[in-house]
Amino acid sequence: MPNALPAPAQAPPGPAVPAARHRPRALLAMHRDLAAKLIDDTAMAALTAAADLDPALIVDDFTDPGAAAALAEAEVIVSSWGCPPLDEAVLAAAPRLRAVVHAAGSVKHHITDACWRRGIQVTSAAWANALPVAEYTLAAILFANKPVLRLAADYRGRRAQHDWQAAYARTGNYRRTVGIVGASRIGRRVLELLRPHDFAVLLHDPYVDAAGAAELGARGVELDELCALSDVVSVHAPELPATRHLMDARRLALMPDGATLVNTSRGSLIDQDALLAELRTGRLNAVLDVTTPEVLPADSPLYELPNVLLTPHVAGSLGTELHRMAQAAADELARYAAGLPFAHPVLADQIDRTA
């Protein structure tokens, strides 16, 4: 099983942009029912201030005749979830297209090799989507070490006075060990959020040396050592062939009794059958925001196990948090219109190492 994680993307100075402020034509491309949830009035005002954009025109099919005229004139596509792939045929119908501003995380679903060959500039709000994932992770870690699920169930079952100090004498967040797998954008934000707490923090990322790990507030270790020493293991690596089943049966078996696995990355990074076997014994606990598949079958034991907190891939932007990504896109569109480089570019030579 491959051990190496990909290097985190490091953004060099942004690509060339127009030299003077102008008002580009822009087109919204995403699920039609998403736009109203994603773009609030403030963000829409910012988008329309920066570009000539029709708020009522939302494209989810570039072959739709109604989108053809707008696509032909668009200099910028403001995309999000549901944007169709920008392949050779689409680019041929969009001769003026120069940039894609993505109001979401990964661009792998719609940015194709044809975009890079054309020299299309790309930016993403992945940094904005990383913030709620990191917040969710911090909450999961704190609640795992002070076993809130088990405590709540215990209290609900007893409904009576009890010596909780004696019953939970070996729990708590003081001097616990937390292992972070992957110094990704999210992983680094989690490391930052862990700093105020009294944790020993371990980091596994083969592209981060001991000095780099120390700068991030952690001790760099191999993955096996991290699994063996951590009270909570939190996975923040991208989904790549090299990271499939990164947490396999052998590594899960290394985790101490009572430890918790947190996964907000992708379900494929965990050998789910091996994890289920451990969870059924009660030896480990899990906080799973992602699974294989999504959505799980209705009869999956993961829904019912008392030592599992299962959520439907909502650690990322949800509800009002969506508006942060729309505002991030509006800010990038304004930079483009002002002739400035993108603050958060996505680079062709790093796309294969990111989520």
Protein backbone atom coordinates (compact mmCIF):
# COMPACT_ATOMS: atom_id res chain seq x y z
CA MET A 1 0.00 0.00 0.00
CA PRO A 2 1.56 3.36 -0.95
CA ASN A 3 2.50 5.53 2.01
CA ALA A 4 3.32 8.84 0.38
CA LEU A 5 0.93 11.76 0.45
CA PRO A 6 1.12 14.42 -2.26
CA ALA A 7 2.83 17.70 -1.57
CA PRO A 8 0.52 20.57 -0.65
CA ALA A 9 0.05 23.09 -3.42
CA GLN A 10 2.19 26.19 -3.03
CA ALA A 11 0.96 29.13 -5.10
CA PRO A 12 3.70 31.13 -6.86
CA PRO A 13 2.97 34.63 -8.10
CA GLY A 14 -0.25 34.69 -10.08
CA PRO A 15 -0.42 34.42 -13.87
CA ALA A 16 -0.56 37.42 -16.15
CA VAL A 17 -3.84 39.34 -16.12
CA PRO A 18 -5.24 42.29 -18.05
CA ALA A 19 -3.11 45.38 -17.59
CA ALA A 20 -5.88 47.86 -16.85
CA ARG A 21 -9.18 47.93 -15.04
CA HIS A 22 -12.07 46.91 -17.24
CA ARG A 23 -15.52 45.39 -16.92
CA PRO A 24 -15.43 41.81 -18.26
CA ARG A 25 -18.45 39.84 -19.41
CA ALA A 26 -19.12 37.04 -16.93
CA LEU A 27 -21.42 34.03 -16.89
CA LEU A 28 -22.73 31.99 -13.94
CA ALA A 29 -22.30 28.22 -14.48
CA MET A 30 -23.55 25.85 -11.76
CA HIS A 31 -26.61 23.87 -10.64
CA ARG A 32 -29.55 26.16 -11.28
CA ASP A 33 -31.04 25.57 -7.84
CA LEU A 34 -27.68 26.24 -6.17
CA ALA A 35 -27.21 29.87 -7.13
CA ALA A 36 -29.86 31.29 -4.80
CA LYS A 37 -28.39 29.33 -1.86
CA LEU A 38 -24.79 30.17 -2.70
CA ILE A 39 -24.93 33.83 -3.70
CA ASP A 40 -26.54 36.20 -1.22
CA ASP A 41 -27.45 39.79 -2.04
CA THR A 42 -24.10 41.15 -0.85
CA ALA A 43 -22.06 38.76 -3.01
CA MET A 44 -24.31 39.28 -6.03
CA ALA A 45 -23.90 43.02 -5.72
CA ALA A 46 -20.13 42.57 -5.63
CA LEU A 47 -20.18 40.25 -8.66
CA THR A 48 -22.29 42.61 -10.75
CA ALA A 49 -20.18 45.57 -9.68
CA ALA A 50 -17.04 43.86 -10.98
CA ALA A 51 -18.43 42.40 -14.20
CA ASP A 52 -21.21 42.59 -16.75
CA LEU A 53 -23.18 39.62 -15.45
CA ASP A 54 -26.84 38.63 -15.72
CA PRO A 55 -27.91 37.31 -12.28
CA ALA A 56 -30.91 35.58 -13.83
CA LEU A 57 -28.89 33.54 -16.34
CA ILE A 58 -27.51 30.40 -14.69
CA VAL A 59 -26.08 27.76 -17.01
CA ASP A 60 -25.86 24.06 -16.18
CA ASP A 61 -25.68 22.84 -19.78
CA PHE A 62 -23.36 24.58 -22.23
CA THR A 63 -25.13 22.90 -25.18
CA ASP A 64 -28.38 24.67 -24.31
CA PRO A 65 -29.18 27.10 -27.16
CA GLY A 66 -30.18 29.70 -24.57
CA ALA A 67 -26.61 29.71 -23.20
CA ALA A 68 -24.85 29.95 -26.55
CA ALA A 69 -24.88 33.74 -26.94
CA ALA A 70 -23.72 34.39 -23.37
CA LEU A 71 -21.00 31.74 -23.64
CA ALA A 72 -19.71 33.26 -26.87
CA GLU A 73 -19.28 36.65 -25.17
CA ALA A 74 -18.05 35.47 -21.75
CA GLU A 75 -14.55 36.46 -20.67
CA VAL A 76 -15.01 34.94 -17.21
CA ILE A 77 -17.05 31.98 -16.02
CA VAL A 78 -18.09 32.10 -12.37
CA SER A 79 -18.57 28.43 -11.60
CA SER A 80 -19.58 26.25 -8.70
CA TRP A 81 -20.93 22.74 -8.12
CA GLY A 82 -22.71 21.51 -11.21
CA CYS A 83 -20.66 23.41 -13.78
CA PRO A 84 -20.29 21.15 -16.84
CA PRO A 85 -16.78 20.26 -18.04
CA LEU A 86 -15.04 22.97 -20.02
CA ASP A 87 -13.83 20.70 -22.80
CA GLU A 88 -12.59 21.48 -26.31
CA ALA A 89 -16.13 21.84 -27.67
CA VAL A 90 -17.17 24.28 -24.97
CA LEU A 91 -14.00 26.33 -25.36
CA ALA A 92 -14.53 26.46 -29.12
CA ALA A 93 -17.90 28.05 -28.41
CA ALA A 94 -16.28 30.46 -25.93
CA PRO A 95 -13.56 32.23 -27.92
CA ARG A 96 -13.32 35.16 -25.49
CA LEU A 97 -12.98 33.05 -22.32
CA ARG A 98 -9.90 33.96 -20.31
CA ALA A 99 -10.65 32.99 -16.69
CA VAL A 100 -12.70 30.70 -14.48
CA VAL A 101 -13.56 31.84 -10.95
CA HIS A 102 -14.77 28.82 -8.98
CA ALA A 103 -17.03 29.52 -6.00
CA ALA A 104 -16.36 26.10 -4.45
CA GLY A 105 -13.43 23.78 -3.74
CA SER A 106 -12.00 21.32 -6.23
CA VAL A 107 -11.93 22.30 -9.91
CA LYS A 108 -11.15 18.79 -11.17
CA HIS A 109 -14.73 18.16 -12.24
CA HIS A 110 -14.85 20.92 -14.84
CA ILE A 111 -11.35 22.25 -15.58
CA THR A 112 -9.94 20.05 -18.35
CA ASP A 113 -6.56 19.84 -20.07
CA ALA A 114 -8.08 21.97 -22.82
CA CYS A 115 -8.34 24.84 -20.32
CA TRP A 116 -4.65 24.66 -19.47
CA ARG A 117 -3.71 24.45 -23.17
CA ARG A 118 -5.77 27.58 -23.82
CA GLY A 119 -4.02 29.35 -20.94
CA ILE A 120 -7.25 29.89 -19.02
CA GLN A 121 -6.60 31.42 -15.61
CA VAL A 122 -8.30 29.54 -12.78
CA THR A 123 -9.00 30.41 -9.17
CA SER A 124 -10.89 28.52 -6.49
CA ALA A 125 -12.56 29.24 -3.16
CA ALA A 126 -11.08 26.03 -1.73
CA TRP A 127 -9.48 28.08 1.04
CA ALA A 128 -12.92 29.37 2.08
CA ASN A 129 -14.43 25.88 2.01
CA ALA A 130 -11.53 24.62 4.15
CA LEU A 131 -12.49 26.82 7.10
CA PRO A 132 -15.73 25.05 8.13
CA VAL A 133 -14.11 21.64 7.56
CA ALA A 134 -11.37 22.57 10.00
CA GLU A 135 -13.91 23.90 12.50
CA TYR A 136 -15.92 20.67 12.26
CA THR A 137 -12.71 18.70 12.79
CA LEU A 138 -11.74 20.65 15.88
CA ALA A 139 -15.19 20.08 17.36
CA ALA A 140 -14.94 16.37 16.52
CA ILE A 141 -11.56 16.08 18.25
CA LEU A 142 -12.72 17.86 21.40
CA PHE A 143 -15.92 15.81 21.60
CA ALA A 144 -14.03 12.57 20.90
CA ASN A 145 -11.60 12.94 23.79
CA LYS A 146 -14.42 13.97 26.11
CA PRO A 147 -16.72 11.24 24.77
CA VAL A 148 -19.83 13.30 24.34
CA LEU A 149 -21.82 10.70 22.39
CA ARG A 150 -21.23 8.00 25.00
CA LEU A 151 -21.77 10.42 27.89
CA ALA A 152 -25.04 11.67 26.42
CA ALA A 153 -26.32 8.13 25.85
CA ASP A 154 -25.25 7.12 29.34
CA TYR A 155 -27.02 10.09 30.91
CA ARG A 156 -30.12 9.50 28.82
CA GLY A 157 -30.21 5.87 29.89
CA ARG A 158 -29.63 6.46 33.61
CA ARG A 159 -31.67 9.63 34.14
CA ALA A 160 -30.37 9.58 37.68
CA GLN A 161 -27.51 10.75 39.87
CA HIS A 162 -24.21 9.07 39.00
CA ASP A 163 -20.49 9.40 39.77
CA TRP A 164 -19.46 10.71 36.36
CA GLN A 165 -15.93 11.50 37.51
CA ALA A 166 -15.33 7.89 38.43
CA ALA A 167 -17.05 6.49 35.36
CA TYR A 168 -15.08 8.69 32.96
CA ALA A 169 -11.83 9.10 34.87
CA ARG A 170 -9.68 8.20 31.86
CA THR A 171 -11.27 10.67 29.44
CA GLY A 172 -10.70 14.36 28.73
CA ASN A 173 -8.72 16.70 26.48
CA TYR A 174 -5.72 17.47 28.70
CA ARG A 175 -2.42 16.09 27.37
CA ARG A 176 -4.06 13.96 24.73
CA THR A 177 -2.30 13.11 21.47
CA VAL A 178 -3.84 14.14 18.16
CA GLY A 179 -2.51 12.83 14.86
CA ILE A 180 -3.05 14.83 11.66
CA VAL A 181 -2.65 12.92 8.39
CA GLY A 182 -1.78 15.37 5.63
CA ALA A 183 -0.58 18.97 5.77
CA SER A 184 -3.16 20.00 3.22
CA ARG A 185 -4.91 23.36 3.28
CA ILE A 186 -7.45 21.90 5.71
CA GLY A 187 -4.83 19.98 7.68
CA ARG A 188 -2.82 23.14 8.24
CA ARG A 189 -5.88 25.05 9.39
CA VAL A 190 -6.68 22.25 11.84
CA LEU A 191 -3.12 22.43 13.17
CA GLU A 192 -3.58 26.16 13.68
CA LEU A 193 -6.85 25.65 15.56
CA LEU A 194 -5.23 23.01 17.80
CA ARG A 195 -2.51 25.37 19.01
CA PRO A 196 -4.42 26.88 21.99
CA HIS A 197 -5.20 23.43 23.40
CA ASP A 198 -3.09 21.21 25.64
CA PHE A 199 -2.47 18.52 23.03
CA ALA A 200 0.58 16.68 21.81
CA VAL A 201 0.19 17.00 18.04
CA LEU A 202 1.69 14.61 15.50
CA LEU A 203 1.81 15.15 11.74
CA HIS A 204 2.36 12.69 8.93
CA ASP A 205 3.18 14.18 5.56
CA PRO A 206 6.25 12.97 3.65
CA TYR A 207 6.60 16.37 2.00
CA VAL A 208 6.97 18.15 5.34
CA ASP A 209 10.28 17.70 7.18
CA ALA A 210 10.83 17.87 10.93
CA ALA A 211 11.47 21.61 10.89
CA GLY A 212 8.40 22.24 8.78
CA ALA A 213 6.23 20.15 11.09
CA ALA A 214 7.58 22.07 14.09
CA GLU A 215 6.67 25.36 12.40
CA LEU A 216 3.13 24.01 12.06
CA GLY A 217 3.02 23.15 15.77
CA ALA A 218 3.46 19.40 15.41
CA ARG A 219 6.05 16.63 15.55
CA GLY A 220 6.59 14.92 12.22
CA VAL A 221 6.32 11.13 12.33
CA GLU A 222 5.70 8.18 10.05
CA LEU A 223 2.07 7.15 9.64
CA ASP A 224 2.41 3.90 11.58
CA GLU A 225 3.83 5.75 14.59
CA LEU A 226 1.10 8.36 14.36
CA CYS A 227 -1.59 5.66 14.39
CA ALA A 228 0.00 3.86 17.35
CA LEU A 229 0.36 6.97 19.52
CA SER A 230 -2.74 9.04 18.78
CA ASP A 231 -5.94 9.24 20.79
CA VAL A 232 -7.54 10.85 17.72
CA VAL A 233 -6.42 10.40 14.11
CA SER A 234 -7.81 12.97 11.67
CA VAL A 235 -7.41 12.43 7.92
CA HIS A 236 -6.82 15.43 5.62
CA ALA A 237 -5.17 13.98 2.51
CA PRO A 238 -6.52 14.34 -1.04
CA GLU A 239 -8.16 11.49 -2.92
CA LEU A 240 -5.50 10.04 -5.20
CA PRO A 241 -4.49 6.53 -6.29
CA ALA A 242 -1.60 6.72 -3.80
CA THR A 243 -3.92 7.50 -0.89
CA ARG A 244 -6.59 4.84 -1.47
CA HIS A 245 -7.03 2.83 1.75
CA LEU A 246 -4.24 4.82 3.36
CA MET A 247 -5.89 3.82 6.64
CA ASP A 248 -6.05 0.07 6.05
CA ALA A 249 -6.72 -2.83 8.43
CA ARG A 250 -3.12 -2.95 9.65
CA ARG A 251 -2.97 0.74 10.49
CA LEU A 252 -6.40 0.71 12.12
CA ALA A 253 -5.19 -2.16 14.29
CA LEU A 254 -2.28 0.01 15.44
CA MET A 255 -4.63 2.60 16.93
CA PRO A 256 -4.99 2.38 20.74
CA ASP A 257 -8.14 0.96 22.31
CA GLY A 258 -10.72 3.72 22.61
CA ALA A 259 -9.11 5.92 19.94
CA THR A 260 -11.20 7.84 17.41
CA LEU A 261 -10.78 8.11 13.63
CA VAL A 262 -12.06 11.33 12.07
CA ASN A 263 -12.50 11.47 8.29
CA THR A 264 -13.59 14.67 6.55
CA SER A 265 -11.52 13.99 3.44
CA ARG A 266 -12.86 11.23 1.15
CA GLY A 267 -14.27 7.82 1.95
CA SER A 268 -11.74 6.03 -0.27
CA LEU A 269 -8.87 6.92 2.07
CA ILE A 270 -10.27 4.46 4.65
CA ASP A 271 -10.69 0.72 4.23
CA GLN A 272 -14.31 0.96 5.30
CA ASP A 273 -14.82 -2.79 5.74
CA ALA A 274 -11.79 -2.98 8.02
CA LEU A 275 -13.00 0.06 9.97
CA LEU A 276 -16.46 -1.45 10.34
CA ALA A 277 -14.93 -4.62 11.78
CA GLU A 278 -13.09 -2.54 14.42
CA LEU A 279 -16.16 -0.44 15.18
CA ARG A 280 -18.37 -3.48 15.68
CA THR A 281 -16.08 -4.69 18.46
CA GLY A 282 -16.34 -1.30 20.15
CA ARG A 283 -12.54 -0.98 20.23
CA LEU A 284 -12.46 2.18 18.11
CA ASN A 285 -14.76 5.15 17.57
CA ALA A 286 -15.29 7.12 14.37
CA VAL A 287 -16.50 10.49 13.18
CA LEU A 288 -17.29 10.08 9.49
CA ASP A 289 -18.46 12.91 7.29
CA VAL A 290 -17.52 10.97 4.15
CA THR A 291 -18.07 7.31 3.25
CA THR A 292 -17.94 4.85 0.39
CA PRO A 293 -20.38 5.15 -1.23
CA GLU A 294 -22.15 8.40 -0.61
CA VAL A 295 -24.95 7.97 0.36
CA LEU A 296 -24.57 4.73 2.33
CA PRO A 297 -27.14 1.98 1.76
CA ALA A 298 -30.10 2.24 4.13
CA ASP A 299 -29.08 -0.99 5.89
CA SER A 300 -25.49 0.07 6.60
CA PRO A 301 -24.51 -0.67 10.23
CA LEU A 302 -22.73 2.70 10.35
CA TYR A 303 -26.10 4.40 10.83
CA GLU A 304 -26.78 2.50 14.04
CA LEU A 305 -23.46 1.89 15.78
CA PRO A 306 -23.34 3.88 19.03
CA ASN A 307 -19.62 4.62 18.65
CA VAL A 308 -20.04 6.30 15.25
CA LEU A 309 -20.96 9.91 14.52
CA LEU A 310 -22.10 9.88 10.90
CA THR A 311 -22.88 13.05 8.95
CA PRO A 312 -23.81 13.45 5.25
CA HIS A 313 -20.71 15.21 3.84
CA VAL A 314 -21.56 18.54 5.46
CA ALA A 315 -18.28 19.41 7.17
CA GLY A 316 -17.64 21.77 4.28
CA SER A 317 -19.66 24.86 3.54
CA LEU A 318 -23.29 24.51 4.62
CA GLY A 319 -26.06 27.09 4.87
CA THR A 320 -24.65 30.55 5.54
CA GLU A 321 -21.10 29.24 5.04
CA LEU A 322 -21.84 29.00 1.31
CA HIS A 323 -21.95 32.79 1.20
CA ARG A 324 -18.27 32.97 2.16
CA MET A 325 -17.36 31.10 -1.03
CA ALA A 326 -19.53 33.39 -3.14
CA GLN A 327 -17.87 36.43 -1.59
CA ALA A 328 -14.45 34.88 -2.23
CA ALA A 329 -15.40 34.49 -5.90
CA ALA A 330 -16.59 38.09 -6.04
CA ASP A 331 -13.29 39.28 -4.57
CA GLU A 332 -11.32 37.33 -7.18
CA LEU A 333 -13.50 38.65 -9.98
CA ALA A 334 -12.83 42.18 -8.75
CA ARG A 335 -9.08 41.50 -8.75
CA TYR A 336 -9.28 40.23 -12.33
CA ALA A 337 -11.24 43.29 -13.44
CA ALA A 338 -8.67 45.53 -11.76
CA GLY A 339 -5.78 43.86 -13.61
CA LEU A 340 -4.46 42.12 -10.48
CA PRO A 341 -3.37 38.48 -10.20
CA PHE A 342 -5.70 36.08 -8.45
CA ALA A 343 -5.08 35.78 -4.72
CA HIS A 344 -5.82 32.05 -4.82
CA PRO A 345 -4.78 30.69 -8.23
CA VAL A 346 -5.11 27.05 -9.21
CA LEU A 347 -2.00 25.99 -11.11
CA ALA A 348 -1.80 23.41 -13.87
CA ASP A 349 1.37 21.77 -12.58
CA GLN A 350 -0.17 21.14 -9.17
CA ILE A 351 -3.66 19.99 -10.09
CA ASP A 352 -2.70 16.30 -9.92
CA ARG A 353 -1.57 16.66 -6.30
CA THR A 354 -4.63 18.39 -4.89
CA ALA A 355 -8.15 17.37 -4.02
